[in-house]
């Protein structure tokens, strides 16, 4: 039986469903980082697209970890957001250290900063979503109110 105020999952499958997406994304990042033959051509447009992909994947990683942390360990959104961002940043650092050991690849602090930018954007977007979702609904606002006939 769960204690009052406990935020523990109701079933083990729920924990798996929450933890599998961020862990799977971490695996994909690790796999892609271990490949030495990723295309490096494409000029400045290719560079922008690659760095944008890095920002997106690490922003998504922060969001997935924050979601899992909030559902499994803490109902407090700020704690979950900081925890998700910290895990994603730690993985960004690990990713760059790993890339430094792969022939044909190199890890740089600049890439960690780029990944960190994605983490910040993803975390801020999730904070806005959670805040709006938790905001009390005001009568007379929303879709139904805008469709009401005027008198």
C-alpha atoms as a PDB file:
ATOM      1  CA  UNK A   1       0.000   0.000   0.000  1.00  0.00           C
ATOM      2  CA  UNK A   2       1.264   3.429  -0.895  1.00  0.00           C
ATOM      3  CA  UNK A   3       1.708   6.037   1.781  1.00  0.00           C
ATOM      4  CA  UNK A   4      -0.192   9.294   1.518  1.00  0.00           C
ATOM      5  CA  UNK A   5       1.796  11.732  -0.575  1.00  0.00           C
ATOM      6  CA  UNK A   6       3.957   8.945  -2.004  1.00  0.00           C
ATOM      7  CA  UNK A   7       4.860   9.467  -5.621  1.00  0.00           C
ATOM      8  CA  UNK A   8       5.930   5.871  -6.288  1.00  0.00           C
ATOM      9  CA  UNK A   9       4.714   4.238  -9.514  1.00  0.00           C
ATOM     10  CA  UNK A  10       1.773   1.894  -9.243  1.00  0.00           C
ATOM     11  CA  UNK A  11       3.287  -0.849 -11.336  1.00  0.00           C
ATOM     12  CA  UNK A  12       6.783  -1.835 -12.417  1.00  0.00           C
ATOM     13  CA  UNK A  13       5.776  -1.500 -16.067  1.00  0.00           C
ATOM     14  CA  UNK A  14       5.083   2.203 -15.461  1.00  0.00           C
ATOM     15  CA  UNK A  15       8.669   2.726 -14.312  1.00  0.00           C
ATOM     16  CA  UNK A  16       9.906   0.865 -17.388  1.00  0.00           C
ATOM     17  CA  UNK A  17       7.688   2.954 -19.658  1.00  0.00           C
ATOM     18  CA  UNK A  18       9.103   6.151 -18.166  1.00  0.00           C
ATOM     19  CA  UNK A  19      12.758   5.095 -18.035  1.00  0.00           C
ATOM     20  CA  UNK A  20      13.003   3.306 -21.381  1.00  0.00           C
ATOM     21  CA  UNK A  21      12.742   6.404 -23.646  1.00  0.00           C
ATOM     22  CA  UNK A  22      15.616   8.395 -22.074  1.00  0.00           C
ATOM     23  CA  UNK A  23      17.774   5.287 -21.742  1.00  0.00           C
ATOM     24  CA  UNK A  24      17.080   4.340 -25.372  1.00  0.00           C
ATOM     25  CA  UNK A  25      17.970   7.853 -26.533  1.00  0.00           C
ATOM     26  CA  UNK A  26      21.202   7.653 -24.545  1.00  0.00           C
ATOM     27  CA  UNK A  27      21.954   4.384 -26.340  1.00  0.00           C
ATOM     28  CA  UNK A  28      21.306   5.960 -29.734  1.00  0.00           C
ATOM     29  CA  UNK A  29      23.592   8.878 -28.875  1.00  0.00           C
ATOM     30  CA  UNK A  30      26.322   6.475 -27.741  1.00  0.00           C
ATOM     31  CA  UNK A  31      25.964   4.384 -30.916  1.00  0.00           C
ATOM     32  CA  UNK A  32      26.158   7.417 -33.194  1.00  0.00           C
ATOM     33  CA  UNK A  33      29.148   8.760 -31.261  1.00  0.00           C
ATOM     34  CA  UNK A  34      31.012   5.503 -31.718  1.00  0.00           C
ATOM     35  CA  UNK A  35      30.807   5.661 -35.508  1.00  0.00           C
ATOM     36  CA  UNK A  36      33.805   7.187 -37.207  1.00  0.00           C
ATOM     37  CA  UNK A  37      32.161   7.357 -40.626  1.00  0.00           C
ATOM     38  CA  UNK A  38      29.418   9.892 -39.939  1.00  0.00           C
ATOM     39  CA  UNK A  39      29.318  12.317 -42.834  1.00  0.00           C
ATOM     40  CA  UNK A  40      31.247  15.470 -42.131  1.00  0.00           C
ATOM     41  CA  UNK A  41      30.649  17.091 -45.497  1.00  0.00           C
ATOM     42  CA  UNK A  42      27.988  19.561 -46.471  1.00  0.00           C
ATOM     43  CA  UNK A  43      29.793  22.808 -45.768  1.00  0.00           C
ATOM     44  CA  UNK A  44      28.333  25.304 -43.353  1.00  0.00           C
ATOM     45  CA  UNK A  45      24.773  24.058 -43.916  1.00  0.00           C
ATOM     46  CA  UNK A  46      25.803  20.527 -42.973  1.00  0.00           C
ATOM     47  CA  UNK A  47      27.542  21.879 -39.891  1.00  0.00           C
ATOM     48  CA  UNK A  48      24.453  23.841 -38.819  1.00  0.00           C
ATOM     49  CA  UNK A  49      22.213  20.820 -39.363  1.00  0.00           C
ATOM     50  CA  UNK A  50      24.526  18.515 -37.371  1.00  0.00           C
ATOM     51  CA  UNK A  51      24.816  20.958 -34.471  1.00  0.00           C
ATOM     52  CA  UNK A  52      21.057  21.558 -34.575  1.00  0.00           C
ATOM     53  CA  UNK A  53      20.519  17.812 -34.374  1.00  0.00           C
ATOM     54  CA  UNK A  54      22.821  17.679 -31.337  1.00  0.00           C
ATOM     55  CA  UNK A  55      20.877  20.454 -29.630  1.00  0.00           C
ATOM     56  CA  UNK A  56      17.598  18.726 -30.394  1.00  0.00           C
ATOM     57  CA  UNK A  57      18.651  15.294 -29.159  1.00  0.00           C
ATOM     58  CA  UNK A  58      20.096  16.631 -25.898  1.00  0.00           C
ATOM     59  CA  UNK A  59      17.084  18.906 -25.344  1.00  0.00           C
ATOM     60  CA  UNK A  60      14.847  15.890 -25.835  1.00  0.00           C
ATOM     61  CA  UNK A  61      17.018  13.861 -23.456  1.00  0.00           C
ATOM     62  CA  UNK A  62      16.610  16.505 -20.730  1.00  0.00           C
ATOM     63  CA  UNK A  63      12.832  16.540 -21.279  1.00  0.00           C
ATOM     64  CA  UNK A  64      12.557  12.737 -21.136  1.00  0.00           C
ATOM     65  CA  UNK A  65      14.615  12.548 -17.929  1.00  0.00           C
ATOM     66  CA  UNK A  66      12.642  15.375 -16.282  1.00  0.00           C
ATOM     67  CA  UNK A  67       9.394  13.615 -17.175  1.00  0.00           C
ATOM     68  CA  UNK A  68      10.621  10.342 -15.697  1.00  0.00           C
ATOM     69  CA  UNK A  69      11.992  11.991 -12.566  1.00  0.00           C
ATOM     70  CA  UNK A  70       8.789  13.913 -11.924  1.00  0.00           C
ATOM     71  CA  UNK A  71       6.624  10.835 -12.324  1.00  0.00           C
ATOM     72  CA  UNK A  72       8.829   8.430 -10.374  1.00  0.00           C
ATOM     73  CA  UNK A  73      10.665  10.349  -7.659  1.00  0.00           C
ATOM     74  CA  UNK A  74       9.492  13.902  -7.076  1.00  0.00           C
ATOM     75  CA  UNK A  75       6.258  15.733  -7.812  1.00  0.00           C
ATOM     76  CA  UNK A  76       8.143  19.041  -7.646  1.00  0.00           C
ATOM     77  CA  UNK A  77       8.653  20.317 -11.175  1.00  0.00           C
ATOM     78  CA  UNK A  78      11.767  22.450 -10.490  1.00  0.00           C
ATOM     79  CA  UNK A  79      13.594  19.492  -8.947  1.00  0.00           C
ATOM     80  CA  UNK A  80      12.673  17.261 -11.882  1.00  0.00           C
ATOM     81  CA  UNK A  81      13.694  19.919 -14.420  1.00  0.00           C
ATOM     82  CA  UNK A  82      17.093  20.504 -12.803  1.00  0.00           C
ATOM     83  CA  UNK A  83      17.622  16.754 -12.409  1.00  0.00           C
ATOM     84  CA  UNK A  84      16.759  16.075 -16.048  1.00  0.00           C
ATOM     85  CA  UNK A  85      19.043  18.862 -17.223  1.00  0.00           C
ATOM     86  CA  UNK A  86      21.882  17.612 -14.997  1.00  0.00           C
ATOM     87  CA  UNK A  87      21.603  14.058 -16.308  1.00  0.00           C
ATOM     88  CA  UNK A  88      21.519  15.293 -19.910  1.00  0.00           C
ATOM     89  CA  UNK A  89      24.535  17.555 -19.331  1.00  0.00           C
ATOM     90  CA  UNK A  90      26.458  14.703 -17.718  1.00  0.00           C
ATOM     91  CA  UNK A  91      25.659  12.577 -20.776  1.00  0.00           C
ATOM     92  CA  UNK A  92      26.787  15.386 -23.104  1.00  0.00           C
ATOM     93  CA  UNK A  93      30.147  15.472 -21.321  1.00  0.00           C
ATOM     94  CA  UNK A  94      30.369  11.675 -21.418  1.00  0.00           C
ATOM     95  CA  UNK A  95      29.504  11.737 -25.121  1.00  0.00           C
ATOM     96  CA  UNK A  96      32.321  14.161 -25.910  1.00  0.00           C
ATOM     97  CA  UNK A  97      34.822  12.158 -23.846  1.00  0.00           C
ATOM     98  CA  UNK A  98      33.699   9.041 -25.692  1.00  0.00           C
ATOM     99  CA  UNK A  99      34.067  10.727 -29.073  1.00  0.00           C
ATOM    100  CA  UNK A 100      37.652  11.625 -28.178  1.00  0.00           C
ATOM    101  CA  UNK A 101      38.456   7.890 -28.080  1.00  0.00           C
ATOM    102  CA  UNK A 102      36.866   7.094 -31.460  1.00  0.00           C
ATOM    103  CA  UNK A 103      39.221   7.153 -34.482  1.00  0.00           C
ATOM    104  CA  UNK A 104      38.285   9.979 -36.832  1.00  0.00           C
ATOM    105  CA  UNK A 105      36.215  11.801 -34.192  1.00  0.00           C
ATOM    106  CA  UNK A 106      37.086  14.400 -31.610  1.00  0.00           C
ATOM    107  CA  UNK A 107      35.294  15.733 -28.583  1.00  0.00           C
ATOM    108  CA  UNK A 108      35.377  19.415 -27.763  1.00  0.00           C
ATOM    109  CA  UNK A 109      34.119  21.639 -24.947  1.00  0.00           C
ATOM    110  CA  UNK A 110      32.371  23.735 -27.609  1.00  0.00           C
ATOM    111  CA  UNK A 111      30.202  20.734 -28.477  1.00  0.00           C
ATOM    112  CA  UNK A 112      29.274  20.369 -24.801  1.00  0.00           C
ATOM    113  CA  UNK A 113      28.193  24.038 -24.838  1.00  0.00           C
ATOM    114  CA  UNK A 114      26.117  23.442 -27.971  1.00  0.00           C
ATOM    115  CA  UNK A 115      24.502  20.389 -26.359  1.00  0.00           C
ATOM    116  CA  UNK A 116      23.969  22.486 -23.229  1.00  0.00           C
ATOM    117  CA  UNK A 117      22.133  25.063 -25.297  1.00  0.00           C
ATOM    118  CA  UNK A 118      19.716  22.377 -26.429  1.00  0.00           C
ATOM    119  CA  UNK A 119      19.324  21.220 -22.837  1.00  0.00           C
ATOM    120  CA  UNK A 120      18.443  24.742 -21.711  1.00  0.00           C
ATOM    121  CA  UNK A 121      15.915  25.206 -24.529  1.00  0.00           C
ATOM    122  CA  UNK A 122      14.280  21.817 -23.898  1.00  0.00           C
ATOM    123  CA  UNK A 123      14.129  22.408 -20.150  1.00  0.00           C
ATOM    124  CA  UNK A 124      12.622  25.876 -20.537  1.00  0.00           C
ATOM    125  CA  UNK A 125      10.015  24.633 -23.008  1.00  0.00           C
ATOM    126  CA  UNK A 126       9.005  21.832 -20.643  1.00  0.00           C
ATOM    127  CA  UNK A 127       8.831  24.288 -17.728  1.00  0.00           C
ATOM    128  CA  UNK A 128       6.431  26.464 -19.742  1.00  0.00           C
ATOM    129  CA  UNK A 129       4.292  23.461 -20.681  1.00  0.00           C
ATOM    130  CA  UNK A 130       4.126  22.210 -17.084  1.00  0.00           C
ATOM    131  CA  UNK A 131       3.343  25.682 -15.784  1.00  0.00           C
ATOM    132  CA  UNK A 132       0.530  26.235 -18.272  1.00  0.00           C
ATOM    133  CA  UNK A 133      -0.805  22.748 -17.628  1.00  0.00           C
ATOM    134  CA  UNK A 134      -0.880  23.364 -13.867  1.00  0.00           C
ATOM    135  CA  UNK A 135      -2.382  26.848 -14.170  1.00  0.00           C
ATOM    136  CA  UNK A 136      -5.929  27.065 -12.875  1.00  0.00           C
ATOM    137  CA  UNK A 137      -8.557  27.343 -15.579  1.00  0.00           C
ATOM    138  CA  UNK A 138     -10.419  30.628 -15.621  1.00  0.00           C
ATOM    139  CA  UNK A 139     -14.087  30.670 -16.572  1.00  0.00           C
ATOM    140  CA  UNK A 140     -14.851  32.543 -19.733  1.00  0.00           C
ATOM    141  CA  UNK A 141     -11.504  31.757 -21.333  1.00  0.00           C
ATOM    142  CA  UNK A 142     -10.699  29.185 -23.933  1.00  0.00           C
ATOM    143  CA  UNK A 143     -12.249  27.799 -27.076  1.00  0.00           C
ATOM    144  CA  UNK A 144     -15.832  27.523 -25.836  1.00  0.00           C
ATOM    145  CA  UNK A 145     -15.876  31.087 -24.571  1.00  0.00           C
ATOM    146  CA  UNK A 146     -14.687  32.420 -27.909  1.00  0.00           C
ATOM    147  CA  UNK A 147     -17.462  30.579 -29.741  1.00  0.00           C
ATOM    148  CA  UNK A 148     -20.247  31.811 -27.476  1.00  0.00           C
ATOM    149  CA  UNK A 149     -22.667  34.107 -29.257  1.00  0.00           C
ATOM    150  CA  UNK A 150     -22.434  37.783 -28.292  1.00  0.00           C
ATOM    151  CA  UNK A 151     -25.510  39.534 -26.984  1.00  0.00           C
END
